[in-house]
Amino acid sequence: IWDTAGQERFRSVTHAYYRDAHALLLLYDVTNKASFDKIQAWLTEIHEYAQQDVVLMILGNKV
C-alpha cells in the first residue's frame, strides 16, 4: 500500500505506482469540498497511467 497523501511533491512518483496497481483508493475529506473537487484530476491521471482493468474506489473520510 502506497499513501502519497495527495501531496503535490509526490505527484511525479505516483505514475510509477499506477502501472502495476490492481486497485486504487481515492480518499477525500468530507468536510473539505476542495479535496473532493481534486478527484477529477486524480482520475484523469489514473486513466492515463494505470491499467484499464484497475479497480477504483472513491471514499469520503473524516476521522
Protein backbone atom coordinates (compact mmCIF):
# COMPACT_ATOMS: atom_id res chain seq x y z
CA ILE A 1 0.00 0.00 0.00
CA TRP A 2 1.36 3.40 -1.01
CA ASP A 3 0.00 6.56 0.57
CA THR A 4 1.06 9.82 -1.07
CA ALA A 5 -1.44 11.83 0.98
CA GLY A 6 -2.31 13.72 -2.20
CA GLN A 7 0.68 15.98 -1.71
CA GLU A 8 1.91 17.77 -4.81
CA ARG A 9 5.56 16.95 -4.07
CA PHE A 10 4.84 13.22 -4.52
CA ARG A 11 2.78 13.65 -7.69
CA SER A 12 5.64 12.81 -10.05
CA VAL A 13 6.40 9.45 -8.39
CA THR A 14 2.79 8.25 -8.32
CA HIS A 15 2.86 7.44 -12.05
CA ALA A 16 5.21 4.53 -11.39
CA TYR A 17 2.83 3.08 -8.79
CA TYR A 18 -0.21 3.22 -11.09
CA ARG A 19 1.36 0.95 -13.69
CA ASP A 20 1.26 -2.28 -11.64
CA ALA A 21 -1.62 -1.43 -9.30
CA HIS A 22 -4.55 -3.83 -9.06
CA ALA A 23 -6.68 -1.36 -7.11
CA LEU A 24 -6.58 2.33 -6.26
CA LEU A 25 -8.32 4.09 -3.40
CA LEU A 26 -9.02 7.80 -3.71
CA LEU A 27 -9.89 9.40 -0.40
CA TYR A 28 -11.26 12.86 0.12
CA ASP A 29 -12.12 14.87 3.22
CA VAL A 30 -15.92 15.09 3.54
CA THR A 31 -15.54 18.43 5.33
CA ASN A 32 -13.42 19.94 2.54
CA LYS A 33 -15.09 20.41 -0.86
CA ALA A 34 -11.76 21.30 -2.50
CA SER A 35 -10.42 17.82 -1.69
CA PHE A 36 -13.45 16.27 -3.42
CA ASP A 37 -13.06 18.59 -6.41
CA LYS A 38 -9.49 17.30 -6.94
CA ILE A 39 -10.78 13.76 -7.51
CA GLN A 40 -11.36 14.50 -11.21
CA ALA A 41 -7.70 15.43 -11.71
CA TRP A 42 -6.62 12.21 -9.99
CA LEU A 43 -8.99 10.17 -12.16
CA THR A 44 -7.59 11.77 -15.31
CA GLU A 45 -4.09 10.82 -14.21
CA ILE A 46 -5.15 7.29 -13.30
CA HIS A 47 -6.79 6.75 -16.69
CA GLU A 48 -3.56 7.87 -18.33
CA TYR A 49 -1.12 5.70 -16.36
CA ALA A 50 -2.99 2.77 -14.77
CA GLN A 51 -4.11 -0.50 -16.34
CA GLN A 52 -7.59 -0.34 -17.87
CA ASP A 53 -8.89 -3.04 -15.51
CA VAL A 54 -7.68 -1.38 -12.30
CA VAL A 55 -10.31 -1.35 -9.56
CA LEU A 56 -11.12 2.18 -8.37
CA MET A 57 -12.81 3.15 -5.13
CA ILE A 58 -13.62 6.69 -4.03
CA LEU A 59 -14.03 7.07 -0.28
CA GLY A 60 -15.13 10.03 1.81
CA ASN A 61 -13.32 10.21 5.12
CA LYS A 62 -13.02 12.39 8.18
CA VAL A 63 -11.85 10.85 11.40
